[in-house]
Amino acid sequence: MGLAFALALCLAGAHAAVARWIAGAAGFPLDDAWIHARLARSLAEGRGFSFNPGEPAAVSSAPLWTLLVSVPAAAAIPFPWAAYLAGAAAGAALSLLGFRLTERATGDSKAGLLCAALLLGTHPFPWSIASGMEPAFAAALALATLLAALSGRMVITFLLASAAGLARPELCLMPGFVLLDALCRLQRPGPKRIARLSLAALAATAAPFLIDRLLTGQYVFAALAAKVGRHGVIAALGEGRADLVPSILAANLPLYFVPLLRALARDNVALLVLAPIGLWRLAASGRGSHLAWMVFILLPTAVAVLAPFGGPEFHEQRYIGPVVAIMVVAGCVAWAAIPTGPPARGLRLAALVLVAALSAWGSAAGLLRYAREVKNINEMQVKIGRWLLERPGGPGTIATNDIGAIGFVTGAPILDLTGLATREVVPYLRRPPAPGSSNRGWNGASESGLLEFLRVRRPDYVAVFPAWYPSRFFREALGREVFRVDLDDNVICGDRSMIVYRPEWAASEPLRGEGSGR
């Protein structure tokens, strides 16, 4: 564990060094990482899971990761270094679990060492360690669940599966997979055994939602309502449109799986080719488990159909960390099946060199993208946050559609125009358009509804991506443009431009329906 942690720290240091060389300073490659940082700072200061002081909110879709990041923050380690330390711990745990899992499945310690090295060296995990985000942590919990299942310890397996749901929301499906796996492996289970397993799976599935309610006052992560819940079967059924389900299935599956396979092939095409053999071996061995192929196939299928957002390649594959980890483990399990005798020894060595080289190549490309992403975030959101902080009298209340770095740097009250930290804006965003027209805002948002919300709440500054709200009437209603950032090399921000407005609400009467969200 110590060696894995040291290697993970070296990876974090390498990413920080390259970022300082290209971007001029260390930082995070996603604005979302600064959301975790602000929440972790709040936890470390004893203010709970609140983005705005005194307002608990389900902003984090990975509350267990946020809690982990708050530990070094509570020890007065500054950001981004606190998150780098948490990322190194997650990466080390992932590497160690990969070693144990592969060695247990194959009896080959060399295959275990190969898996441990590849989990530290295959994208997105090196990127993840220094990103301030949760992919390595979520993947580690998925592998821990699989390892516990192979050991036959059902109580621990369900506990780990439940914890995984607090590291990534889609992993709330893990207890159901554990139940299916147990039923597949048991020979003629009696009704009482089936009932006990089903109750355990139900409790493990419900636990993340109950814990989220305890921590934030809400059962469901805000991202589901604000961003995700409009594109899949969940939304269709919620709106009483069961007739849309066949078309969703027909459209969403290819739209999701084509980029998923492309992403996995780019990470390491050799491991992707080997993975089916390894998945079969993991399921077919004496005390095997079906969990690996379920995570690899059923998990992305469920995400694509139920509530997709962003796609597998979005944000450097942050949503498919467990799938990549299973690919690495399965590939190494398949590699272990290559005979060690003289006729096949050369093939075994060649396969090892190939998978190592492909992972190194993908991670090197990810390292350079990481530095450019940090540069983008520093030059846009961090810069705007510092500019707002320096305003005479302070920044006041800020309304923005990218709340992370601006919120962290200023420490000011934030109105989140996407609805993550400010749930009351969601009804305004979802106001239906007038007959014969359509909503042109980001993710189908109503610009007139959002403008009404802003007139009701009257923030001191509004910082938005202009491309997200293209209507001229919307931008003109925001008043005077006081600051602007335009990126020449944008690779990660929601738009190449962000504009800060200084509204003059005193000259503008609130629209009727104040507070109603109509």
Protein backbone atom coordinates (compact mmCIF):
# COMPACT_ATOMS: atom_id res chain seq x y z
CA MET A 1 0.00 0.00 0.00
CA GLY A 2 2.86 2.34 0.86
CA LEU A 3 4.52 1.84 -2.53
CA ALA A 4 1.23 2.35 -4.37
CA PHE A 5 0.57 5.54 -2.40
CA ALA A 6 4.08 6.82 -3.16
CA LEU A 7 3.60 6.13 -6.87
CA ALA A 8 0.20 7.84 -6.81
CA LEU A 9 1.74 10.88 -5.13
CA CYS A 10 4.40 10.94 -7.84
CA LEU A 11 1.68 10.91 -10.50
CA ALA A 12 -0.12 13.78 -8.76
CA GLY A 13 3.17 15.67 -8.54
CA ALA A 14 3.89 15.09 -12.23
CA HIS A 15 0.47 16.44 -13.21
CA ALA A 16 0.90 19.47 -10.95
CA ALA A 17 4.38 20.14 -12.35
CA VAL A 18 3.25 19.97 -15.98
CA ALA A 19 0.25 22.16 -15.14
CA ARG A 20 2.55 24.76 -13.57
CA TRP A 21 4.74 24.65 -16.67
CA ILE A 22 1.87 25.06 -19.14
CA ALA A 23 -0.74 26.91 -17.05
CA GLY A 24 1.58 28.85 -14.75
CA ALA A 25 -0.02 27.43 -11.59
CA ALA A 26 -1.44 24.23 -10.16
CA GLY A 27 -5.19 23.82 -10.07
CA PHE A 28 -8.02 21.58 -11.18
CA PRO A 29 -8.97 20.51 -14.72
CA LEU A 30 -12.72 20.82 -14.05
CA ASP A 31 -14.77 23.55 -12.43
CA ASP A 32 -16.71 20.78 -10.66
CA ALA A 33 -13.62 19.95 -8.60
CA TRP A 34 -13.84 23.39 -7.03
CA ILE A 35 -17.41 22.52 -5.99
CA HIS A 36 -16.03 19.58 -4.00
CA ALA A 37 -13.36 21.91 -2.61
CA ARG A 38 -15.89 24.48 -1.38
CA LEU A 39 -18.07 21.75 0.16
CA ALA A 40 -15.03 20.08 1.76
CA ARG A 41 -13.94 23.42 3.20
CA SER A 42 -17.42 23.89 4.64
CA LEU A 43 -17.26 20.43 6.23
CA ALA A 44 -13.77 21.07 7.61
CA GLU A 45 -15.02 24.31 9.19
CA GLY A 46 -17.98 22.53 10.80
CA ARG A 47 -20.68 24.04 8.58
CA GLY A 48 -21.90 20.76 7.10
CA PHE A 49 -22.82 19.91 3.51
CA SER A 50 -23.67 23.46 2.51
CA PHE A 51 -22.47 25.31 -0.55
CA ASN A 52 -23.96 28.55 0.75
CA PRO A 53 -23.66 29.06 4.53
CA GLY A 54 -26.69 27.72 6.38
CA GLU A 55 -28.21 26.16 3.25
CA PRO A 56 -27.61 22.37 3.13
CA ALA A 57 -27.80 21.26 -0.49
CA ALA A 58 -27.28 18.02 -2.42
CA VAL A 59 -24.75 19.71 -4.72
CA SER A 60 -22.23 16.86 -4.58
CA SER A 61 -23.09 13.77 -6.60
CA ALA A 62 -20.26 12.00 -4.74
CA PRO A 63 -20.72 12.94 -1.05
CA LEU A 64 -18.42 10.17 0.19
CA TRP A 65 -15.64 11.60 -1.99
CA THR A 66 -16.34 15.09 -0.64
CA LEU A 67 -16.03 13.72 2.91
CA LEU A 68 -12.68 12.15 2.01
CA VAL A 69 -11.39 15.43 0.59
CA SER A 70 -12.48 17.24 3.75
CA VAL A 71 -10.05 15.16 5.87
CA PRO A 72 -6.81 16.77 4.59
CA ALA A 73 -8.67 20.09 4.41
CA ALA A 74 -9.43 19.79 8.13
CA ALA A 75 -5.70 19.30 8.69
CA ALA A 76 -5.18 22.79 7.20
CA ILE A 77 -3.74 21.49 3.91
CA PRO A 78 -4.69 24.08 1.27
CA PHE A 79 -6.40 23.41 -2.03
CA PRO A 80 -5.67 22.01 -4.55
CA TRP A 81 -3.11 20.02 -2.55
CA ALA A 82 -5.71 18.58 -0.15
CA ALA A 83 -7.60 17.09 -3.08
CA TYR A 84 -4.37 15.78 -4.63
CA LEU A 85 -3.65 13.93 -1.38
CA ALA A 86 -7.14 12.41 -1.31
CA GLY A 87 -6.75 11.46 -4.97
CA ALA A 88 -3.45 9.72 -4.27
CA ALA A 89 -5.08 7.73 -1.47
CA ALA A 90 -7.91 6.70 -3.80
CA GLY A 91 -5.45 5.75 -6.55
CA ALA A 92 -3.37 3.67 -4.15
CA ALA A 93 -6.46 1.86 -2.88
CA LEU A 94 -7.56 1.17 -6.46
CA SER A 95 -4.14 -0.25 -7.33
CA LEU A 96 -4.00 -2.48 -4.26
CA LEU A 97 -7.54 -3.78 -4.82
CA GLY A 98 -6.71 -4.55 -8.44
CA PHE A 99 -3.69 -6.56 -7.30
CA ARG A 100 -5.69 -8.54 -4.72
CA LEU A 101 -8.57 -9.16 -7.10
CA THR A 102 -6.44 -10.34 -10.02
CA GLU A 103 -4.20 -12.48 -7.84
CA ARG A 104 -7.24 -14.11 -6.22
CA ALA A 105 -8.90 -14.80 -9.57
CA THR A 106 -5.78 -16.20 -11.25
CA GLY A 107 -3.37 -17.33 -8.54
CA ASP A 108 -0.73 -15.39 -10.50
CA SER A 109 1.04 -12.66 -8.50
CA LYS A 110 2.71 -11.33 -11.67
CA ALA A 111 -0.73 -10.72 -13.20
CA GLY A 112 -1.71 -8.98 -9.97
CA LEU A 113 1.32 -6.69 -10.15
CA LEU A 114 0.59 -5.92 -13.79
CA CYS A 115 -2.99 -4.99 -12.89
CA ALA A 116 -1.83 -2.79 -10.01
CA ALA A 117 0.56 -0.94 -12.30
CA LEU A 118 -1.98 -0.55 -15.11
CA LEU A 119 -4.63 0.84 -12.76
CA LEU A 120 -2.20 3.60 -11.83
CA GLY A 121 -1.11 4.08 -15.42
CA THR A 122 -4.27 3.81 -17.53
CA HIS A 123 -6.39 6.85 -18.33
CA PRO A 124 -8.46 8.27 -16.65
CA PHE A 125 -6.88 7.20 -13.36
CA PRO A 126 -3.59 9.20 -13.48
CA TRP A 127 -5.68 12.24 -14.51
CA SER A 128 -8.17 11.45 -11.74
CA ILE A 129 -5.55 11.43 -8.99
CA ALA A 130 -4.77 15.11 -9.60
CA SER A 131 -8.24 16.19 -10.75
CA GLY A 132 -10.00 16.70 -7.43
CA MET A 133 -12.69 14.34 -8.75
CA GLU A 134 -13.96 10.89 -7.78
CA PRO A 135 -13.33 8.39 -10.68
CA ALA A 136 -10.52 6.45 -8.96
CA PHE A 137 -12.41 6.41 -5.66
CA ALA A 138 -15.62 5.13 -7.25
CA ALA A 139 -13.68 2.51 -9.22
CA ALA A 140 -11.93 1.37 -6.02
CA LEU A 141 -15.28 0.82 -4.30
CA ALA A 142 -16.55 -1.14 -7.32
CA LEU A 143 -13.48 -3.41 -7.22
CA ALA A 144 -13.78 -3.77 -3.44
CA THR A 145 -17.37 -4.95 -3.91
CA LEU A 146 -16.26 -7.52 -6.49
CA LEU A 147 -13.43 -8.75 -4.24
CA ALA A 148 -15.83 -9.17 -1.31
CA ALA A 149 -18.26 -11.06 -3.56
CA LEU A 150 -15.50 -13.45 -4.66
CA SER A 151 -14.74 -14.03 -0.97
CA GLY A 152 -18.36 -14.94 -0.28
CA ARG A 153 -18.82 -12.27 2.41
CA MET A 154 -22.30 -11.07 1.55
CA VAL A 155 -22.74 -8.55 4.39
CA ILE A 156 -19.51 -6.76 3.51
CA THR A 157 -20.37 -7.00 -0.19
CA PHE A 158 -23.69 -5.23 0.32
CA LEU A 159 -22.07 -2.60 2.57
CA LEU A 160 -19.43 -1.83 -0.06
CA ALA A 161 -22.03 -1.80 -2.84
CA SER A 162 -24.05 0.70 -0.83
CA ALA A 163 -20.98 2.87 -0.20
CA ALA A 164 -20.29 2.88 -3.94
CA GLY A 165 -23.64 4.61 -4.44
CA LEU A 166 -22.30 7.52 -2.39
CA ALA A 167 -19.24 7.78 -4.65
CA ARG A 168 -21.12 7.90 -7.97
CA PRO A 169 -24.93 8.07 -8.19
CA GLU A 170 -25.20 5.46 -10.96
CA LEU A 171 -23.49 2.98 -8.63
CA CYS A 172 -26.67 2.86 -6.56
CA LEU A 173 -27.40 -0.04 -8.95
CA MET A 174 -24.56 -2.07 -7.41
CA PRO A 175 -26.67 -3.72 -4.66
CA GLY A 176 -29.05 -4.94 -7.35
CA PHE A 177 -26.13 -6.42 -9.27
CA VAL A 178 -24.89 -8.10 -6.08
CA LEU A 179 -28.34 -9.64 -5.61
CA LEU A 180 -28.45 -10.93 -9.20
CA ASP A 181 -24.93 -12.30 -8.85
CA ALA A 182 -25.81 -14.14 -5.63
CA LEU A 183 -28.96 -15.64 -7.14
CA CYS A 184 -27.02 -16.81 -10.20
CA ARG A 185 -24.37 -18.51 -8.08
CA LEU A 186 -26.61 -20.12 -5.48
CA GLN A 187 -27.85 -23.60 -6.28
CA ARG A 188 -31.59 -23.82 -5.65
CA PRO A 189 -31.85 -21.04 -3.03
CA GLY A 190 -34.86 -21.39 -0.76
CA PRO A 191 -37.55 -18.71 -0.40
CA LYS A 192 -36.14 -17.53 2.94
CA ARG A 193 -32.65 -17.07 1.49
CA ILE A 194 -34.03 -15.18 -1.49
CA ALA A 195 -36.09 -12.97 0.82
CA ARG A 196 -33.09 -12.16 3.04
CA LEU A 197 -30.90 -11.31 0.07
CA SER A 198 -33.63 -9.18 -1.49
CA LEU A 199 -34.17 -7.23 1.74
CA ALA A 200 -30.41 -6.69 2.06
CA ALA A 201 -30.24 -5.42 -1.53
CA LEU A 202 -33.20 -3.11 -0.93
CA ALA A 203 -31.64 -1.69 2.24
CA ALA A 204 -28.26 -1.23 0.54
CA THR A 205 -29.90 0.55 -2.40
CA ALA A 206 -31.93 2.85 -0.14
CA ALA A 207 -29.04 3.71 2.19
CA PRO A 208 -27.29 6.27 -0.09
CA PHE A 209 -30.55 8.17 -0.55
CA LEU A 210 -31.28 8.12 3.19
CA ILE A 211 -27.74 9.23 4.03
CA ASP A 212 -27.98 12.00 1.44
CA ARG A 213 -31.22 13.10 3.09
CA LEU A 214 -29.47 13.15 6.48
CA LEU A 215 -26.51 15.14 5.15
CA THR A 216 -28.24 17.57 2.80
CA GLY A 217 -31.96 17.45 3.51
CA GLN A 218 -32.69 15.90 0.09
CA TYR A 219 -33.10 12.30 -1.00
CA VAL A 220 -31.89 12.77 -4.58
CA PHE A 221 -28.73 14.47 -5.82
CA ALA A 222 -29.51 17.88 -7.29
CA ALA A 223 -27.79 16.95 -10.56
CA LEU A 224 -30.59 14.51 -11.39
CA ALA A 225 -33.20 17.27 -11.38
CA ALA A 226 -30.97 20.01 -12.74
CA LYS A 227 -29.03 18.25 -15.51
CA VAL A 228 -29.69 14.57 -15.97
CA GLY A 229 -33.34 13.79 -15.58
CA ARG A 230 -34.64 14.91 -18.98
CA HIS A 231 -33.12 12.49 -21.43
CA GLY A 232 -34.05 8.94 -20.46
CA VAL A 233 -36.70 6.50 -19.38
CA ILE A 234 -36.95 7.96 -15.86
CA ALA A 235 -37.97 11.34 -17.25
CA ALA A 236 -40.36 9.81 -19.79
CA LEU A 237 -42.17 7.74 -17.16
CA GLY A 238 -42.23 10.69 -14.75
CA GLU A 239 -43.99 12.76 -17.39
CA GLY A 240 -46.44 9.97 -18.18
CA ARG A 241 -44.91 9.37 -21.62
CA ALA A 242 -44.39 5.61 -21.60
CA ASP A 243 -44.86 5.74 -25.37
CA LEU A 244 -41.40 7.31 -25.66
CA VAL A 245 -39.61 4.34 -24.07
CA PRO A 246 -39.09 2.31 -27.31
CA SER A 247 -37.61 5.31 -29.13
CA ILE A 248 -35.37 6.10 -26.15
CA LEU A 249 -34.04 2.54 -26.18
CA ALA A 250 -33.44 2.63 -29.93
CA ALA A 251 -31.67 5.99 -29.84
CA ASN A 252 -29.80 6.03 -26.53
CA LEU A 253 -28.03 2.68 -26.67
CA PRO A 254 -26.02 3.27 -29.87
CA LEU A 255 -25.48 6.92 -28.95
CA TYR A 256 -23.88 5.76 -25.69
CA PHE A 257 -22.07 2.55 -26.59
CA VAL A 258 -20.27 3.79 -29.70
CA PRO A 259 -18.39 6.53 -27.78
CA LEU A 260 -17.96 4.14 -24.83
CA LEU A 261 -16.12 1.61 -26.97
CA ARG A 262 -14.16 4.42 -28.62
CA ALA A 263 -13.07 5.74 -25.22
CA LEU A 264 -12.06 2.31 -23.92
CA ALA A 265 -10.13 1.57 -27.11
CA ARG A 266 -8.31 4.87 -26.80
CA ASP A 267 -7.39 4.06 -23.20
CA ASN A 268 -5.99 0.63 -24.14
CA VAL A 269 -7.32 -1.28 -27.12
CA ALA A 270 -5.35 -4.41 -26.21
CA LEU A 271 -7.01 -4.62 -22.79
CA LEU A 272 -10.40 -4.08 -24.44
CA VAL A 273 -9.76 -7.03 -26.78
CA LEU A 274 -8.63 -9.23 -23.87
CA ALA A 275 -11.46 -8.16 -21.54
CA PRO A 276 -14.15 -10.64 -22.75
CA ILE A 277 -11.84 -13.57 -21.96
CA GLY A 278 -11.12 -12.18 -18.52
CA LEU A 279 -14.79 -11.48 -17.81
CA TRP A 280 -15.61 -15.09 -18.69
CA ARG A 281 -12.84 -16.38 -16.42
CA LEU A 282 -13.99 -14.18 -13.52
CA ALA A 283 -17.51 -15.58 -13.82
CA ALA A 284 -16.67 -19.22 -14.58
CA SER A 285 -13.96 -19.97 -12.02
CA GLY A 286 -14.76 -22.09 -8.95
CA ARG A 287 -16.06 -19.29 -6.71
CA GLY A 288 -16.47 -16.83 -9.53
CA SER A 289 -18.71 -13.80 -9.70
CA HIS A 290 -20.86 -12.26 -12.41
CA LEU A 291 -20.38 -8.77 -10.96
CA ALA A 292 -17.51 -7.90 -13.30
CA TRP A 293 -19.45 -8.32 -16.54
CA MET A 294 -22.51 -6.70 -14.95
CA VAL A 295 -20.53 -3.55 -14.17
CA PHE A 296 -18.90 -3.66 -17.61
CA ILE A 297 -22.12 -4.18 -19.60
CA LEU A 298 -25.26 -3.70 -17.52
CA LEU A 299 -24.11 -0.53 -15.73
CA PRO A 300 -23.49 1.55 -18.89
CA THR A 301 -26.65 0.07 -20.43
CA ALA A 302 -28.71 1.26 -17.46
CA VAL A 303 -27.10 4.71 -17.52
CA ALA A 304 -27.72 5.08 -21.25
CA VAL A 305 -31.38 4.12 -20.93
CA LEU A 306 -32.46 5.52 -17.57
CA ALA A 307 -30.80 8.92 -17.20
CA PRO A 308 -27.87 9.71 -19.53
CA PHE A 309 -25.88 12.91 -19.33
CA GLY A 310 -22.71 13.99 -21.07
CA GLY A 311 -21.71 10.62 -22.49
CA PRO A 312 -18.82 8.26 -21.69
CA GLU A 313 -16.13 10.65 -22.96
CA PHE A 314 -17.49 13.65 -21.04
CA HIS A 315 -15.08 15.27 -18.57
CA GLU A 316 -12.23 12.87 -19.33
CA GLN A 317 -14.40 9.79 -18.74
CA ARG A 318 -15.21 10.73 -15.15
CA TYR A 319 -18.49 8.80 -15.33
CA ILE A 320 -17.02 5.47 -16.50
CA GLY A 321 -14.17 4.97 -14.03
CA PRO A 322 -15.59 1.65 -12.74
CA VAL A 323 -16.02 0.37 -16.30
CA VAL A 324 -12.39 1.19 -17.16
CA ALA A 325 -11.19 -0.48 -13.95
CA ILE A 326 -13.10 -3.66 -14.79
CA MET A 327 -11.58 -3.61 -18.29
CA VAL A 328 -8.09 -3.43 -16.78
CA VAL A 329 -8.76 -6.25 -14.29
CA ALA A 330 -10.39 -8.46 -16.92
CA GLY A 331 -7.56 -7.82 -19.36
CA CYS A 332 -4.98 -8.84 -16.77
CA VAL A 333 -6.98 -11.96 -15.85
CA ALA A 334 -6.95 -12.88 -19.54
CA TRP A 335 -3.20 -12.17 -19.77
CA ALA A 336 -2.61 -14.60 -16.90
CA ALA A 337 -4.19 -17.35 -19.02
CA ILE A 338 -1.35 -17.14 -21.56
CA PRO A 339 0.91 -20.16 -20.86
CA THR A 340 4.25 -19.47 -19.22
CA GLY A 341 6.05 -22.31 -21.02
CA PRO A 342 8.66 -21.72 -23.75
CA PRO A 343 6.31 -21.89 -26.77
CA ALA A 344 4.11 -19.05 -25.47
CA ARG A 345 6.59 -17.15 -23.31
CA GLY A 346 7.34 -14.68 -26.08
CA LEU A 347 3.64 -14.04 -26.64
CA ARG A 348 3.12 -13.41 -22.93
CA LEU A 349 6.01 -10.93 -22.83
CA ALA A 350 4.87 -9.20 -26.03
CA ALA A 351 1.35 -8.82 -24.65
CA LEU A 352 2.74 -7.32 -21.43
CA VAL A 353 4.86 -4.80 -23.32
CA LEU A 354 1.95 -3.90 -25.60
CA VAL A 355 -0.60 -3.22 -22.84
CA ALA A 356 1.96 -1.27 -20.81
CA ALA A 357 2.94 0.87 -23.81
CA LEU A 358 -0.67 1.59 -24.80
CA SER A 359 -1.60 2.66 -21.27
CA ALA A 360 1.50 4.86 -21.01
CA TRP A 361 0.67 6.50 -24.35
CA GLY A 362 -2.91 7.23 -23.34
CA SER A 363 -1.88 8.60 -19.95
CA ALA A 364 0.77 10.85 -21.49
CA ALA A 365 -1.84 12.34 -23.80
CA GLY A 366 -4.16 12.74 -20.81
CA LEU A 367 -1.39 14.52 -18.89
CA LEU A 368 -1.01 17.16 -21.60
CA ARG A 369 -4.79 17.63 -21.80
CA TYR A 370 -4.87 17.94 -18.01
CA ALA A 371 -2.45 20.85 -18.11
CA ARG A 372 -4.45 22.64 -20.80
CA GLU A 373 -7.66 22.06 -18.84
CA VAL A 374 -6.12 23.52 -15.68
CA LYS A 375 -5.00 26.49 -17.76
CA ASN A 376 -8.56 27.01 -19.05
CA ILE A 377 -10.12 26.88 -15.58
CA ASN A 378 -7.45 29.16 -14.07
CA GLU A 379 -7.73 31.69 -16.89
CA MET A 380 -11.53 31.81 -16.83
CA GLN A 381 -13.38 30.80 -13.66
CA VAL A 382 -10.53 31.36 -11.19
CA LYS A 383 -9.65 34.69 -12.81
CA ILE A 384 -13.27 35.86 -12.70
CA GLY A 385 -13.54 34.77 -9.07
CA ARG A 386 -10.48 36.83 -8.15
CA TRP A 387 -11.78 39.84 -10.07
CA LEU A 388 -15.11 39.65 -8.23
CA LEU A 389 -13.36 39.26 -4.89
CA GLU A 390 -11.47 42.50 -5.50
CA ARG A 391 -14.60 44.62 -6.11
CA PRO A 392 -15.03 47.56 -3.71
CA GLY A 393 -17.40 46.42 -1.00
CA GLY A 394 -16.97 42.78 -1.98
CA PRO A 395 -18.73 40.68 -4.60
CA GLY A 396 -22.12 40.54 -2.88
CA THR A 397 -24.38 37.80 -4.23
CA ILE A 398 -23.23 36.21 -7.48
CA ALA A 399 -25.44 34.40 -9.98
CA THR A 400 -23.55 32.08 -12.32
CA ASN A 401 -23.87 28.89 -14.33
CA ASP A 402 -20.41 27.63 -13.26
CA ILE A 403 -20.34 27.78 -9.48
CA GLY A 404 -17.14 25.93 -8.55
CA ALA A 405 -14.07 28.15 -8.79
CA ILE A 406 -16.07 31.38 -8.60
CA GLY A 407 -17.75 30.13 -5.43
CA PHE A 408 -14.52 28.82 -3.88
CA VAL A 409 -12.39 31.89 -4.61
CA THR A 410 -14.96 34.49 -3.57
CA GLY A 411 -16.62 32.60 -0.71
CA ALA A 412 -19.68 34.68 -1.62
CA PRO A 413 -23.34 33.59 -1.64
CA ILE A 414 -24.01 31.93 -4.99
CA LEU A 415 -27.17 31.61 -7.05
CA ASP A 416 -26.63 28.55 -9.23
CA LEU A 417 -28.36 29.14 -12.57
CA THR A 418 -28.24 25.43 -13.46
CA GLY A 419 -30.04 24.41 -10.26
CA LEU A 420 -27.38 22.35 -8.48
CA ALA A 421 -27.00 24.60 -5.43
CA THR A 422 -30.19 26.59 -6.00
CA ARG A 423 -33.04 24.14 -6.50
CA GLU A 424 -35.70 26.86 -6.56
CA VAL A 425 -34.48 27.98 -9.99
CA VAL A 426 -35.40 24.64 -11.62
CA PRO A 427 -39.14 25.39 -12.09
CA TYR A 428 -38.22 28.67 -13.79
CA LEU A 429 -35.76 26.90 -16.09
CA ARG A 430 -38.34 24.29 -17.06
CA ARG A 431 -41.13 26.70 -17.86
CA PRO A 432 -42.65 25.51 -21.16
CA PRO A 433 -42.18 27.77 -24.20
CA ALA A 434 -44.97 29.73 -25.81
CA PRO A 435 -46.91 27.90 -28.55
CA GLY A 436 -44.91 27.79 -31.76
CA SER A 437 -41.58 28.58 -30.07
CA SER A 438 -38.89 26.68 -28.19
CA ASN A 439 -36.64 27.22 -25.19
CA ARG A 440 -33.18 28.21 -26.42
CA GLY A 441 -31.26 28.13 -23.14
CA TRP A 442 -28.73 25.49 -22.12
CA ASN A 443 -30.26 22.04 -21.67
CA GLY A 444 -33.63 23.38 -22.84
CA ALA A 445 -33.78 26.16 -20.25
CA SER A 446 -36.35 28.93 -20.49
CA GLU A 447 -34.51 32.23 -20.81
CA SER A 448 -37.61 34.23 -19.88
CA GLY A 449 -38.10 32.02 -16.82
CA LEU A 450 -34.47 32.43 -15.79
CA LEU A 451 -34.70 36.19 -16.26
CA GLU A 452 -37.76 36.27 -14.01
CA PHE A 453 -35.86 34.34 -11.34
CA LEU A 454 -32.96 36.81 -11.53
CA ARG A 455 -35.33 39.77 -11.21
CA VAL A 456 -36.88 38.14 -8.15
CA ARG A 457 -33.53 37.37 -6.44
CA ARG A 458 -31.59 40.44 -7.69
CA PRO A 459 -27.94 39.28 -7.49
CA ASP A 460 -25.17 41.88 -7.49
CA TYR A 461 -23.30 40.23 -10.37
CA VAL A 462 -24.27 37.72 -13.06
CA ALA A 463 -21.50 35.62 -14.68
CA VAL A 464 -22.65 33.43 -17.57
CA PHE A 465 -21.56 31.73 -20.76
CA PRO A 466 -23.25 33.84 -23.46
CA ALA A 467 -23.64 30.83 -25.78
CA TRP A 468 -25.81 29.15 -23.16
CA TYR A 469 -28.40 31.93 -23.34
CA PRO A 470 -28.27 33.17 -26.94
CA SER A 471 -31.33 35.45 -27.01
CA ARG A 472 -30.50 39.12 -27.29
CA PHE A 473 -33.32 40.16 -24.95
CA PHE A 474 -31.85 38.02 -22.16
CA ARG A 475 -28.35 39.49 -22.28
CA GLU A 476 -29.60 43.07 -22.67
CA ALA A 477 -31.80 42.63 -19.59
CA LEU A 478 -28.73 41.76 -17.51
CA GLY A 479 -27.42 45.30 -17.78
CA ARG A 480 -23.87 46.50 -18.16
CA GLU A 481 -21.02 44.16 -19.14
CA VAL A 482 -18.23 44.82 -16.63
CA PHE A 483 -15.75 41.98 -17.20
CA ARG A 484 -15.14 39.36 -19.85
CA VAL A 485 -12.82 36.42 -20.45
CA ASP A 486 -12.28 34.90 -23.91
CA LEU A 487 -10.18 31.76 -24.22
CA ASP A 488 -8.20 31.15 -27.40
CA ASP A 489 -7.56 27.48 -26.63
CA ASN A 490 -10.67 26.27 -24.81
CA VAL A 491 -10.79 22.49 -24.33
CA ILE A 492 -12.89 22.06 -21.16
CA CYS A 493 -15.00 25.11 -20.28
CA GLY A 494 -18.68 25.21 -21.23
CA ASP A 495 -17.97 28.07 -23.67
CA ARG A 496 -14.87 29.93 -24.79
CA SER A 497 -16.32 33.15 -23.35
CA MET A 498 -17.72 34.13 -19.97
CA ILE A 499 -19.19 37.56 -19.31
CA VAL A 500 -19.81 39.28 -15.98
CA TYR A 501 -22.77 41.67 -15.86
CA ARG A 502 -23.62 44.33 -13.27
CA PRO A 503 -27.42 44.49 -13.31
CA GLU A 504 -29.34 47.55 -12.16
CA TRP A 505 -32.34 45.87 -10.58
CA ALA A 506 -33.53 49.08 -8.96
CA ALA A 507 -34.67 50.23 -12.38
CA SER A 508 -36.39 46.93 -13.11
CA GLU A 509 -39.61 45.81 -11.47
CA PRO A 510 -39.87 42.11 -10.64
CA LEU A 511 -42.08 40.20 -13.01
CA ARG A 512 -45.42 38.96 -11.78
CA GLY A 513 -45.46 35.53 -10.17
CA GLU A 514 -42.57 36.32 -7.83
CA GLY A 515 -41.45 33.18 -6.06
CA SER A 516 -44.02 31.04 -7.82
CA GLY A 517 -41.71 29.57 -10.43
CA ARG A 518 -44.57 29.64 -12.91
